[in-house]
Amino acid sequence: MVPAELAGWIPQTGATGVLLLAVIWVLRGKIIPRAMHDEVRADRDTYRAAAETSLKASAEMSSHVGSLTTAVGQLTAAVEQQAQTQRETLALVRQLAPGQRAA
């Protein structure tokens, strides 16, 4: 896009002015060669594919962590319940008189 202050200047200078403007834009980096543009697009596509793969792997790992968290919670509850049962059994055994203990 041509800046507004240059829009009236280009028709007055003719082909030389347009060529000069194009050279200035190339030197300033406003216009890049097609090969470089294609390379940048290919790199962008490569990085986009890598990011999508990373996001999929992250989502899969999150689901695994969620299921592991559930399993660990269930295991912890079972161990706590068994420990409580053993404490209750030990308390009952201690309450029995020495002559009444079961073999």
PDB file of N, CA and C in Angstrom:
ATOM      1  N   MET A   1       0.842  -1.167   0.000  1.00  0.00           N
ATOM      2  CA  MET A   1       0.000   0.000   0.000  1.00  0.00           C
ATOM      3  C   MET A   1       0.889   1.232   0.000  1.00  0.00           C
ATOM      4  N   VAL A   2       0.540   2.169  -0.808  1.00  0.00           N
ATOM      5  CA  VAL A   2       1.319   3.395  -0.958  1.00  0.00           C
ATOM      6  C   VAL A   2       0.854   4.400   0.081  1.00  0.00           C
ATOM      7  N   PRO A   3       1.796   5.004   0.832  1.00  0.00           N
ATOM      8  CA  PRO A   3       1.402   6.037   1.797  1.00  0.00           C
ATOM      9  C   PRO A   3       0.713   7.202   1.092  1.00  0.00           C
ATOM     10  N   ALA A   4      -0.163   7.897   1.796  1.00  0.00           N
ATOM     11  CA  ALA A   4      -0.965   8.973   1.219  1.00  0.00           C
ATOM     12  C   ALA A   4      -0.104  10.105   0.674  1.00  0.00           C
ATOM     13  N   GLU A   5       1.001  10.412   1.349  1.00  0.00           N
ATOM     14  CA  GLU A   5       1.843  11.513   0.897  1.00  0.00           C
ATOM     15  C   GLU A   5       2.574  11.204  -0.403  1.00  0.00           C
ATOM     16  N   LEU A   6       2.711   9.907  -0.748  1.00  0.00           N
ATOM     17  CA  LEU A   6       3.390   9.529  -1.979  1.00  0.00           C
ATOM     18  C   LEU A   6       2.413   9.248  -3.117  1.00  0.00           C
ATOM     19  N   ALA A   7       1.129   9.148  -2.821  1.00  0.00           N
ATOM     20  CA  ALA A   7       0.146   8.764  -3.831  1.00  0.00           C
ATOM     21  C   ALA A   7       0.105   9.748  -5.002  1.00  0.00           C
ATOM     22  N   GLY A   8       0.226  11.036  -4.740  1.00  0.00           N
ATOM     23  CA  GLY A   8       0.213  12.018  -5.810  1.00  0.00           C
ATOM     24  C   GLY A   8       1.558  12.138  -6.521  1.00  0.00           C
ATOM     25  N   TRP A   9       2.619  11.714  -5.895  1.00  0.00           N
ATOM     26  CA  TRP A   9       3.974  11.840  -6.424  1.00  0.00           C
ATOM     27  C   TRP A   9       4.279  10.800  -7.495  1.00  0.00           C
ATOM     28  N   ILE A  10       3.729   9.572  -7.349  1.00  0.00           N
ATOM     29  CA  ILE A  10       4.059   8.464  -8.253  1.00  0.00           C
ATOM     30  C   ILE A  10       3.658   8.753  -9.702  1.00  0.00           C
ATOM     31  N   PRO A  11       2.458   9.227 -10.011  1.00  0.00           N
ATOM     32  CA  PRO A  11       2.115   9.472 -11.422  1.00  0.00           C
ATOM     33  C   PRO A  11       3.000  10.537 -12.078  1.00  0.00           C
ATOM     34  N   GLN A  12       3.507  11.459 -11.309  1.00  0.00           N
ATOM     35  CA  GLN A  12       4.332  12.534 -11.866  1.00  0.00           C
ATOM     36  C   GLN A  12       5.737  12.060 -12.219  1.00  0.00           C
ATOM     37  N   THR A  13       6.245  11.019 -11.531  1.00  0.00           N
ATOM     38  CA  THR A  13       7.626  10.579 -11.758  1.00  0.00           C
ATOM     39  C   THR A  13       7.731   9.520 -12.836  1.00  0.00           C
ATOM     40  N   GLY A  14       6.666   8.855 -13.153  1.00  0.00           N
ATOM     41  CA  GLY A  14       6.686   7.855 -14.201  1.00  0.00           C
ATOM     42  C   GLY A  14       7.311   6.552 -13.749  1.00  0.00           C
ATOM     43  N   ALA A  15       7.816   5.795 -14.731  1.00  0.00           N
ATOM     44  CA  ALA A  15       8.367   4.464 -14.463  1.00  0.00           C
ATOM     45  C   ALA A  15       9.611   4.539 -13.592  1.00  0.00           C
ATOM     46  N   THR A  16      10.422   5.574 -13.784  1.00  0.00           N
ATOM     47  CA  THR A  16      11.637   5.706 -12.968  1.00  0.00           C
ATOM     48  C   THR A  16      11.289   5.868 -11.498  1.00  0.00           C
ATOM     49  N   GLY A  17      10.306   6.667 -11.212  1.00  0.00           N
ATOM     50  CA  GLY A  17       9.886   6.871  -9.823  1.00  0.00           C
ATOM     51  C   GLY A  17       9.336   5.602  -9.207  1.00  0.00           C
ATOM     52  N   VAL A  18       8.558   4.875  -9.989  1.00  0.00           N
ATOM     53  CA  VAL A  18       7.995   3.619  -9.484  1.00  0.00           C
ATOM     54  C   VAL A  18       9.109   2.618  -9.211  1.00  0.00           C
ATOM     55  N   LEU A  19      10.081   2.537 -10.126  1.00  0.00           N
ATOM     56  CA  LEU A  19      11.224   1.644  -9.931  1.00  0.00           C
ATOM     57  C   LEU A  19      12.026   2.053  -8.706  1.00  0.00           C
ATOM     58  N   LEU A  20      12.261   3.359  -8.553  1.00  0.00           N
ATOM     59  CA  LEU A  20      12.986   3.853  -7.388  1.00  0.00           C
ATOM     60  C   LEU A  20      12.238   3.520  -6.101  1.00  0.00           C
ATOM     61  N   LEU A  21      10.940   3.701  -6.112  1.00  0.00           N
ATOM     62  CA  LEU A  21      10.126   3.371  -4.936  1.00  0.00           C
ATOM     63  C   LEU A  21      10.200   1.881  -4.617  1.00  0.00           C
ATOM     64  N   ALA A  22      10.142   1.042  -5.641  1.00  0.00           N
ATOM     65  CA  ALA A  22      10.232  -0.406  -5.433  1.00  0.00           C
ATOM     66  C   ALA A  22      11.584  -0.776  -4.838  1.00  0.00           C
ATOM     67  N   VAL A  23      12.667  -0.172  -5.333  1.00  0.00           N
ATOM     68  CA  VAL A  23      14.005  -0.454  -4.796  1.00  0.00           C
ATOM     69  C   VAL A  23      14.090  -0.019  -3.332  1.00  0.00           C
ATOM     70  N   ILE A  24      13.545   1.135  -3.022  1.00  0.00           N
ATOM     71  CA  ILE A  24      13.561   1.607  -1.623  1.00  0.00           C
ATOM     72  C   ILE A  24      12.778   0.640  -0.739  1.00  0.00           C
ATOM     73  N   TRP A  25      11.631   0.191  -1.208  1.00  0.00           N
ATOM     74  CA  TRP A  25      10.841  -0.754  -0.410  1.00  0.00           C
ATOM     75  C   TRP A  25      11.578  -2.065  -0.206  1.00  0.00           C
ATOM     76  N   VAL A  26      12.272  -2.543  -1.235  1.00  0.00           N
ATOM     77  CA  VAL A  26      13.042  -3.786  -1.099  1.00  0.00           C
ATOM     78  C   VAL A  26      14.160  -3.590  -0.084  1.00  0.00           C
ATOM     79  N   LEU A  27      14.867  -2.466  -0.168  1.00  0.00           N
ATOM     80  CA  LEU A  27      15.974  -2.210   0.761  1.00  0.00           C
ATOM     81  C   LEU A  27      15.486  -2.046   2.197  1.00  0.00           C
ATOM     82  N   ARG A  28      14.310  -1.504   2.369  1.00  0.00           N
ATOM     83  CA  ARG A  28      13.765  -1.328   3.720  1.00  0.00           C
ATOM     84  C   ARG A  28      13.060  -2.586   4.229  1.00  0.00           C
ATOM     85  N   GLY A  29      12.903  -3.580   3.393  1.00  0.00           N
ATOM     86  CA  GLY A  29      12.282  -4.837   3.824  1.00  0.00           C
ATOM     87  C   GLY A  29      10.774  -4.848   3.722  1.00  0.00           C
ATOM     88  N   LYS A  30      10.196  -3.870   3.047  1.00  0.00           N
ATOM     89  CA  LYS A  30       8.742  -3.841   2.886  1.00  0.00           C
ATOM     90  C   LYS A  30       8.289  -4.809   1.799  1.00  0.00           C
ATOM     91  N   ILE A  31       9.190  -5.107   0.861  1.00  0.00           N
ATOM     92  CA  ILE A  31       8.900  -6.071  -0.202  1.00  0.00           C
ATOM     93  C   ILE A  31       9.959  -7.163  -0.097  1.00  0.00           C
ATOM     94  N   ILE A  32       9.540  -8.411  -0.042  1.00  0.00           N
ATOM     95  CA  ILE A  32      10.492  -9.523   0.048  1.00  0.00           C
ATOM     96  C   ILE A  32      10.346 -10.409  -1.181  1.00  0.00           C
ATOM     97  N   PRO A  33      11.404 -11.121  -1.531  1.00  0.00           N
ATOM     98  CA  PRO A  33      11.323 -12.027  -2.688  1.00  0.00           C
ATOM     99  C   PRO A  33      10.331 -13.162  -2.435  1.00  0.00           C
ATOM    100  N   ARG A  34       9.763 -13.685  -3.501  1.00  0.00           N
ATOM    101  CA  ARG A  34       8.777 -14.759  -3.400  1.00  0.00           C
ATOM    102  C   ARG A  34       9.370 -16.000  -2.735  1.00  0.00           C
ATOM    103  N   ALA A  35      10.616 -16.320  -3.043  1.00  0.00           N
ATOM    104  CA  ALA A  35      11.245 -17.501  -2.437  1.00  0.00           C
ATOM    105  C   ALA A  35      11.294 -17.359  -0.915  1.00  0.00           C
ATOM    106  N   MET A  36      11.622 -16.154  -0.453  1.00  0.00           N
ATOM    107  CA  MET A  36      11.676 -15.932   0.996  1.00  0.00           C
ATOM    108  C   MET A  36      10.264 -16.032   1.584  1.00  0.00           C
ATOM    109  N   HIS A  37       9.299 -15.504   0.872  1.00  0.00           N
ATOM    110  CA  HIS A  37       7.914 -15.580   1.339  1.00  0.00           C
ATOM    111  C   HIS A  37       7.461 -17.030   1.449  1.00  0.00           C
ATOM    112  N   ASP A  38       7.779 -17.820   0.431  1.00  0.00           N
ATOM    113  CA  ASP A  38       7.413 -19.242   0.457  1.00  0.00           C
ATOM    114  C   ASP A  38       8.119 -19.968   1.593  1.00  0.00           C
ATOM    115  N   GLU A  39       9.372 -19.610   1.848  1.00  0.00           N
ATOM    116  CA  GLU A  39      10.132 -20.238   2.934  1.00  0.00           C
ATOM    117  C   GLU A  39       9.512 -19.893   4.290  1.00  0.00           C
ATOM    118  N   VAL A  40       9.131 -18.628   4.446  1.00  0.00           N
ATOM    119  CA  VAL A  40       8.499 -18.203   5.701  1.00  0.00           C
ATOM    120  C   VAL A  40       7.169 -18.931   5.900  1.00  0.00           C
ATOM    121  N   ARG A  41       6.402 -19.082   4.832  1.00  0.00           N
ATOM    122  CA  ARG A  41       5.125 -19.799   4.944  1.00  0.00           C
ATOM    123  C   ARG A  41       5.349 -21.271   5.292  1.00  0.00           C
ATOM    124  N   ALA A  42       6.371 -21.892   4.680  1.00  0.00           N
ATOM    125  CA  ALA A  42       6.665 -23.295   4.986  1.00  0.00           C
ATOM    126  C   ALA A  42       7.085 -23.446   6.445  1.00  0.00           C
ATOM    127  N   ASP A  43       7.927 -22.517   6.921  1.00  0.00           N
ATOM    128  CA  ASP A  43       8.326 -22.553   8.330  1.00  0.00           C
ATOM    129  C   ASP A  43       7.119 -22.382   9.241  1.00  0.00           C
ATOM    130  N   ARG A  44       6.239 -21.468   8.871  1.00  0.00           N
ATOM    131  CA  ARG A  44       5.042 -21.241   9.676  1.00  0.00           C
ATOM    132  C   ARG A  44       4.187 -22.502   9.740  1.00  0.00           C
ATOM    133  N   ASP A  45       4.044 -23.161   8.594  1.00  0.00           N
ATOM    134  CA  ASP A  45       3.252 -24.391   8.564  1.00  0.00           C
ATOM    135  C   ASP A  45       3.900 -25.481   9.406  1.00  0.00           C
ATOM    136  N   THR A  46       5.240 -25.556   9.347  1.00  0.00           N
ATOM    137  CA  THR A  46       5.959 -26.553  10.149  1.00  0.00           C
ATOM    138  C   THR A  46       5.754 -26.290  11.642  1.00  0.00           C
ATOM    139  N   TYR A  47       5.900 -25.033  12.041  1.00  0.00           N
ATOM    140  CA  TYR A  47       5.722 -24.699  13.455  1.00  0.00           C
ATOM    141  C   TYR A  47       4.279 -24.893  13.898  1.00  0.00           C
ATOM    142  N   ARG A  48       3.339 -24.599  13.017  1.00  0.00           N
ATOM    143  CA  ARG A  48       1.932 -24.804  13.356  1.00  0.00           C
ATOM    144  C   ARG A  48       1.648 -26.291  13.572  1.00  0.00           C
ATOM    145  N   ALA A  49       2.183 -27.149  12.694  1.00  0.00           N
ATOM    146  CA  ALA A  49       1.982 -28.593  12.836  1.00  0.00           C
ATOM    147  C   ALA A  49       2.620 -29.095  14.131  1.00  0.00           C
ATOM    148  N   ALA A  50       3.812 -28.573  14.442  1.00  0.00           N
ATOM    149  CA  ALA A  50       4.478 -28.976  15.689  1.00  0.00           C
ATOM    150  C   ALA A  50       3.665 -28.535  16.900  1.00  0.00           C
ATOM    151  N   ALA A  51       3.106 -27.341  16.844  1.00  0.00           N
ATOM    152  CA  ALA A  51       2.295 -26.850  17.961  1.00  0.00           C
ATOM    153  C   ALA A  51       1.027 -27.690  18.134  1.00  0.00           C
ATOM    154  N   GLU A  52       0.400 -28.055  17.024  1.00  0.00           N
ATOM    155  CA  GLU A  52      -0.805 -28.886  17.109  1.00  0.00           C
ATOM    156  C   GLU A  52      -0.476 -30.262  17.689  1.00  0.00           C
ATOM    157  N   THR A  53       0.645 -30.838  17.263  1.00  0.00           N
ATOM    158  CA  THR A  53       1.070 -32.126  17.805  1.00  0.00           C
ATOM    159  C   THR A  53       1.337 -32.012  19.302  1.00  0.00           C
ATOM    160  N   SER A  54       1.981 -30.934  19.689  1.00  0.00           N
ATOM    161  CA  SER A  54       2.271 -30.713  21.104  1.00  0.00           C
ATOM    162  C   SER A  54       0.987 -30.563  21.917  1.00  0.00           C
ATOM    163  N   LEU A  55       0.014 -29.837  21.377  1.00  0.00           N
ATOM    164  CA  LEU A  55      -1.255 -29.670  22.080  1.00  0.00           C
ATOM    165  C   LEU A  55      -2.001 -30.994  22.228  1.00  0.00           C
ATOM    166  N   LYS A  56      -1.955 -31.820  21.180  1.00  0.00           N
ATOM    167  CA  LYS A  56      -2.611 -33.128  21.263  1.00  0.00           C
ATOM    168  C   LYS A  56      -1.932 -33.996  22.322  1.00  0.00           C
ATOM    169  N   ALA A  57      -0.612 -33.992  22.338  1.00  0.00           N
ATOM    170  CA  ALA A  57       0.126 -34.785  23.330  1.00  0.00           C
ATOM    171  C   ALA A  57      -0.170 -34.275  24.735  1.00  0.00           C
ATOM    172  N   SER A  58      -0.245 -32.960  24.882  1.00  0.00           N
ATOM    173  CA  SER A  58      -0.543 -32.376  26.187  1.00  0.00           C
ATOM    174  C   SER A  58      -1.938 -32.773  26.662  1.00  0.00           C
ATOM    175  N   ALA A  59      -2.900 -32.745  25.761  1.00  0.00           N
ATOM    176  CA  ALA A  59      -4.262 -33.142  26.126  1.00  0.00           C
ATOM    177  C   ALA A  59      -4.320 -34.614  26.513  1.00  0.00           C
ATOM    178  N   GLU A  60      -3.593 -35.439  25.774  1.00  0.00           N
ATOM    179  CA  GLU A  60      -3.569 -36.871  26.094  1.00  0.00           C
ATOM    180  C   GLU A  60      -2.928 -37.119  27.455  1.00  0.00           C
ATOM    181  N   MET A  61      -1.836 -36.422  27.726  1.00  0.00           N
ATOM    182  CA  MET A  61      -1.178 -36.584  29.028  1.00  0.00           C
ATOM    183  C   MET A  61      -2.076 -36.084  30.149  1.00  0.00           C
ATOM    184  N   SER A  62      -2.819 -35.020  29.906  1.00  0.00           N
ATOM    185  CA  SER A  62      -3.734 -34.502  30.925  1.00  0.00           C
ATOM    186  C   SER A  62      -4.810 -35.527  31.252  1.00  0.00           C
ATOM    187  N   SER A  63      -5.315 -36.209  30.233  1.00  0.00           N
ATOM    188  CA  SER A  63      -6.335 -37.219  30.495  1.00  0.00           C
ATOM    189  C   SER A  63      -5.744 -38.386  31.285  1.00  0.00           C
ATOM    190  N   HIS A  64      -4.485 -38.738  30.973  1.00  0.00           N
ATOM    191  CA  HIS A  64      -3.837 -39.805  31.731  1.00  0.00           C
ATOM    192  C   HIS A  64      -3.615 -39.390  33.181  1.00  0.00           C
ATOM    193  N   VAL A  65      -3.195 -38.153  33.384  1.00  0.00           N
ATOM    194  CA  VAL A  65      -2.984 -37.663  34.746  1.00  0.00           C
ATOM    195  C   VAL A  65      -4.300 -37.656  35.509  1.00  0.00           C
ATOM    196  N   GLY A  66      -5.377 -37.283  34.842  1.00  0.00           N
ATOM    197  CA  GLY A  66      -6.687 -37.289  35.490  1.00  0.00           C
ATOM    198  C   GLY A  66      -7.100 -38.682  35.933  1.00  0.00           C
ATOM    199  N   SER A  67      -6.900 -39.668  35.058  1.00  0.00           N
ATOM    200  CA  SER A  67      -7.271 -41.032  35.431  1.00  0.00           C
ATOM    201  C   SER A  67      -6.346 -41.572  36.526  1.00  0.00           C
ATOM    202  N   LEU A  68      -5.066 -41.203  36.471  1.00  0.00           N
ATOM    203  CA  LEU A  68      -4.145 -41.631  37.534  1.00  0.00           C
ATOM    204  C   LEU A  68      -4.525 -40.992  38.868  1.00  0.00           C
ATOM    205  N   THR A  69      -4.929 -39.748  38.841  1.00  0.00           N
ATOM    206  CA  THR A  69      -5.346 -39.068  40.071  1.00  0.00           C
ATOM    207  C   THR A  69      -6.560 -39.764  40.677  1.00  0.00           C
ATOM    208  N   THR A  70      -7.501 -40.154  39.844  1.00  0.00           N
ATOM    209  CA  THR A  70      -8.679 -40.871  40.329  1.00  0.00           C
ATOM    210  C   THR A  70      -8.277 -42.213  40.941  1.00  0.00           C
ATOM    211  N   ALA A  71      -7.391 -42.931  40.259  1.00  0.00           N
ATOM    212  CA  ALA A  71      -6.951 -44.236  40.765  1.00  0.00           C
ATOM    213  C   ALA A  71      -6.204 -44.092  42.093  1.00  0.00           C
ATOM    214  N   VAL A  72      -5.343 -43.095  42.193  1.00  0.00           N
ATOM    215  CA  VAL A  72      -4.600 -42.877  43.441  1.00  0.00           C
ATOM    216  C   VAL A  72      -5.554 -42.497  44.559  1.00  0.00           C
ATOM    217  N   GLY A  73      -6.559 -41.693  44.259  1.00  0.00           N
ATOM    218  CA  GLY A  73      -7.555 -41.330  45.273  1.00  0.00           C
ATOM    219  C   GLY A  73      -8.307 -42.547  45.776  1.00  0.00           C
ATOM    220  N   GLN A  74      -8.706 -43.434  44.866  1.00  0.00           N
ATOM    221  CA  GLN A  74      -9.408 -44.653  45.267  1.00  0.00           C
ATOM    222  C   GLN A  74      -8.496 -45.564  46.084  1.00  0.00           C
ATOM    223  N   LEU A  75      -7.243 -45.679  45.682  1.00  0.00           N
ATOM    224  CA  LEU A  75      -6.288 -46.515  46.412  1.00  0.00           C
ATOM    225  C   LEU A  75      -6.046 -45.961  47.810  1.00  0.00           C
ATOM    226  N   THR A  76      -5.902 -44.654  47.912  1.00  0.00           N
ATOM    227  CA  THR A  76      -5.692 -44.026  49.218  1.00  0.00           C
ATOM    228  C   THR A  76      -6.889 -44.265  50.128  1.00  0.00           C
ATOM    229  N   ALA A  77      -8.094 -44.140  49.582  1.00  0.00           N
ATOM    230  CA  ALA A  77      -9.296 -44.377  50.388  1.00  0.00           C
ATOM    231  C   ALA A  77      -9.357 -45.817  50.863  1.00  0.00           C
ATOM    232  N   ALA A  78      -8.995 -46.763  49.988  1.00  0.00           N
ATOM    233  CA  ALA A  78      -9.019 -48.177  50.376  1.00  0.00           C
ATOM    234  C   ALA A  78      -7.982 -48.468  51.462  1.00  0.00           C
ATOM    235  N   VAL A  79      -6.791 -47.897  51.328  1.00  0.00           N
ATOM    236  CA  VAL A  79      -5.743 -48.125  52.336  1.00  0.00           C
ATOM    237  C   VAL A  79      -6.156 -47.512  53.675  1.00  0.00           C
ATOM    238  N   GLU A  80      -6.737 -46.319  53.639  1.00  0.00           N
ATOM    239  CA  GLU A  80      -7.198 -45.677  54.878  1.00  0.00           C
ATOM    240  C   GLU A  80      -8.307 -46.486  55.539  1.00  0.00           C
ATOM    241  N   GLN A  81      -9.210 -47.045  54.718  1.00  0.00           N
ATOM    242  CA  GLN A  81     -10.295 -47.855  55.263  1.00  0.00           C
ATOM    243  C   GLN A  81      -9.733 -49.130  55.895  1.00  0.00           C
ATOM    244  N   GLN A  82      -8.763 -49.750  55.243  1.00  0.00           N
ATOM    245  CA  GLN A  82      -8.169 -50.964  55.811  1.00  0.00           C
ATOM    246  C   GLN A  82      -7.415 -50.641  57.094  1.00  0.00           C
ATOM    247  N   ALA A  83      -6.719 -49.521  57.126  1.00  0.00           N
ATOM    248  CA  ALA A  83      -6.004 -49.131  58.340  1.00  0.00           C
ATOM    249  C   ALA A  83      -6.985 -48.875  59.478  1.00  0.00           C
ATOM    250  N   GLN A  84      -8.105 -48.234  59.170  1.00  0.00           N
ATOM    251  CA  GLN A  84      -9.119 -47.983  60.198  1.00  0.00           C
ATOM    252  C   GLN A  84      -9.695 -49.303  60.719  1.00  0.00           C
ATOM    253  N   THR A  85      -9.955 -50.244  59.817  1.00  0.00           N
ATOM    254  CA  THR A  85     -10.471 -51.555  60.223  1.00  0.00           C
ATOM    255  C   THR A  85      -9.467 -52.263  61.128  1.00  0.00           C
ATOM    256  N   GLN A  86      -8.199 -52.189  60.783  1.00  0.00           N
ATOM    257  CA  GLN A  86      -7.167 -52.830  61.619  1.00  0.00           C
ATOM    258  C   GLN A  86      -7.077 -52.158  62.986  1.00  0.00           C
ATOM    259  N   ARG A  87      -7.205 -50.830  63.037  1.00  0.00           N
ATOM    260  CA  ARG A  87      -7.176 -50.136  64.332  1.00  0.00           C
ATOM    261  C   ARG A  87      -8.367 -50.547  65.200  1.00  0.00           C
ATOM    262  N   GLU A  88      -9.538 -50.647  64.558  1.00  0.00           N
ATOM    263  CA  GLU A  88     -10.732 -51.060  65.305  1.00  0.00           C
ATOM    264  C   GLU A  88     -10.592 -52.489  65.807  1.00  0.00           C
ATOM    265  N   THR A  89     -10.060 -53.372  64.977  1.00  0.00           N
ATOM    266  CA  THR A  89      -9.857 -54.771  65.389  1.00  0.00           C
ATOM    267  C   THR A  89      -8.867 -54.843  66.543  1.00  0.00           C
ATOM    268  N   LEU A  90      -7.792 -54.088  66.459  1.00  0.00           N
ATOM    269  CA  LEU A  90      -6.795 -54.077  67.533  1.00  0.00           C
ATOM    270  C   LEU A  90      -7.393 -53.523  68.823  1.00  0.00           C
ATOM    271  N   ALA A  91      -8.243 -52.519  68.727  1.00  0.00           N
ATOM    272  CA  ALA A  91      -8.885 -51.959  69.920  1.00  0.00           C
ATOM    273  C   ALA A  91      -9.810 -52.985  70.550  1.00  0.00           C
ATOM    274  N   LEU A  92     -10.543 -53.759  69.753  1.00  0.00           N
ATOM    275  CA  LEU A  92     -11.417 -54.798  70.298  1.00  0.00           C
ATOM    276  C   LEU A  92     -10.612 -55.905  70.968  1.00  0.00           C
ATOM    277  N   VAL A  93      -9.500 -56.279  70.360  1.00  0.00           N
ATOM    278  CA  VAL A  93      -8.660 -57.326  70.943  1.00  0.00           C
ATOM    279  C   VAL A  93      -8.098 -56.863  72.272  1.00  0.00           C
ATOM    280  N   ARG A  94      -7.718 -55.622  72.369  1.00  0.00           N
ATOM    281  CA  ARG A  94      -7.166 -55.099  73.628  1.00  0.00           C
ATOM    282  C   ARG A  94      -8.230 -55.024  74.722  1.00  0.00           C
ATOM    283  N   GLN A  95      -9.496 -54.866  74.316  1.00  0.00           N
ATOM    284  CA  GLN A  95     -10.572 -54.779  75.301  1.00  0.00           C
ATOM    285  C   GLN A  95     -10.893 -56.139  75.897  1.00  0.00           C
ATOM    286  N   LEU A  96     -10.607 -57.206  75.158  1.00  0.00           N
ATOM    287  CA  LEU A  96     -10.926 -58.534  75.677  1.00  0.00           C
ATOM    288  C   LEU A  96     -10.017 -58.856  76.861  1.00  0.00           C
ATOM    289  N   ALA A  97     -10.586 -59.557  77.779  1.00  0.00           N
ATOM    290  CA  ALA A  97      -9.787 -59.992  78.940  1.00  0.00           C
ATOM    291  C   ALA A  97      -8.812 -61.048  78.467  1.00  0.00           C
ATOM    292  N   PRO A  98      -7.671 -61.196  79.165  1.00  0.00           N
ATOM    293  CA  PRO A  98      -6.678 -62.166  78.711  1.00  0.00           C
ATOM    294  C   PRO A  98      -7.224 -63.597  78.597  1.00  0.00           C
ATOM    295  N   GLY A  99      -8.194 -63.965  79.373  1.00  0.00           N
ATOM    296  CA  GLY A  99      -8.740 -65.307  79.298  1.00  0.00           C
ATOM    297  C   GLY A  99      -9.751 -65.459  78.169  1.00  0.00           C
ATOM    298  N   GLN A 100     -10.248 -64.406  77.605  1.00  0.00           N
ATOM    299  CA  GLN A 100     -11.276 -64.470  76.581  1.00  0.00           C
ATOM    300  C   GLN A 100     -10.738 -64.286  75.154  1.00  0.00           C
ATOM    301  N   ARG A 101      -9.469 -64.148  75.019  1.00  0.00           N
ATOM    302  CA  ARG A 101      -8.901 -63.911  73.680  1.00  0.00           C
ATOM    303  C   ARG A 101      -9.086 -65.135  72.815  1.00  0.00           C
ATOM    304  N   ALA A 102      -9.451 -64.861  71.586  1.00  0.00           N
ATOM    305  CA  ALA A 102      -9.634 -65.949  70.636  1.00  0.00           C
ATOM    306  C   ALA A 102      -8.271 -66.429  70.131  1.00  0.00           C
ATOM    307  N   ALA A 103      -8.215 -67.669  69.790  1.00  0.00           N
ATOM    308  CA  ALA A 103      -6.955 -68.251  69.348  1.00  0.00           C
ATOM    309  C   ALA A 103      -6.639 -67.932  67.928  1.00  0.00           C
TER     310      ALA A 103
END
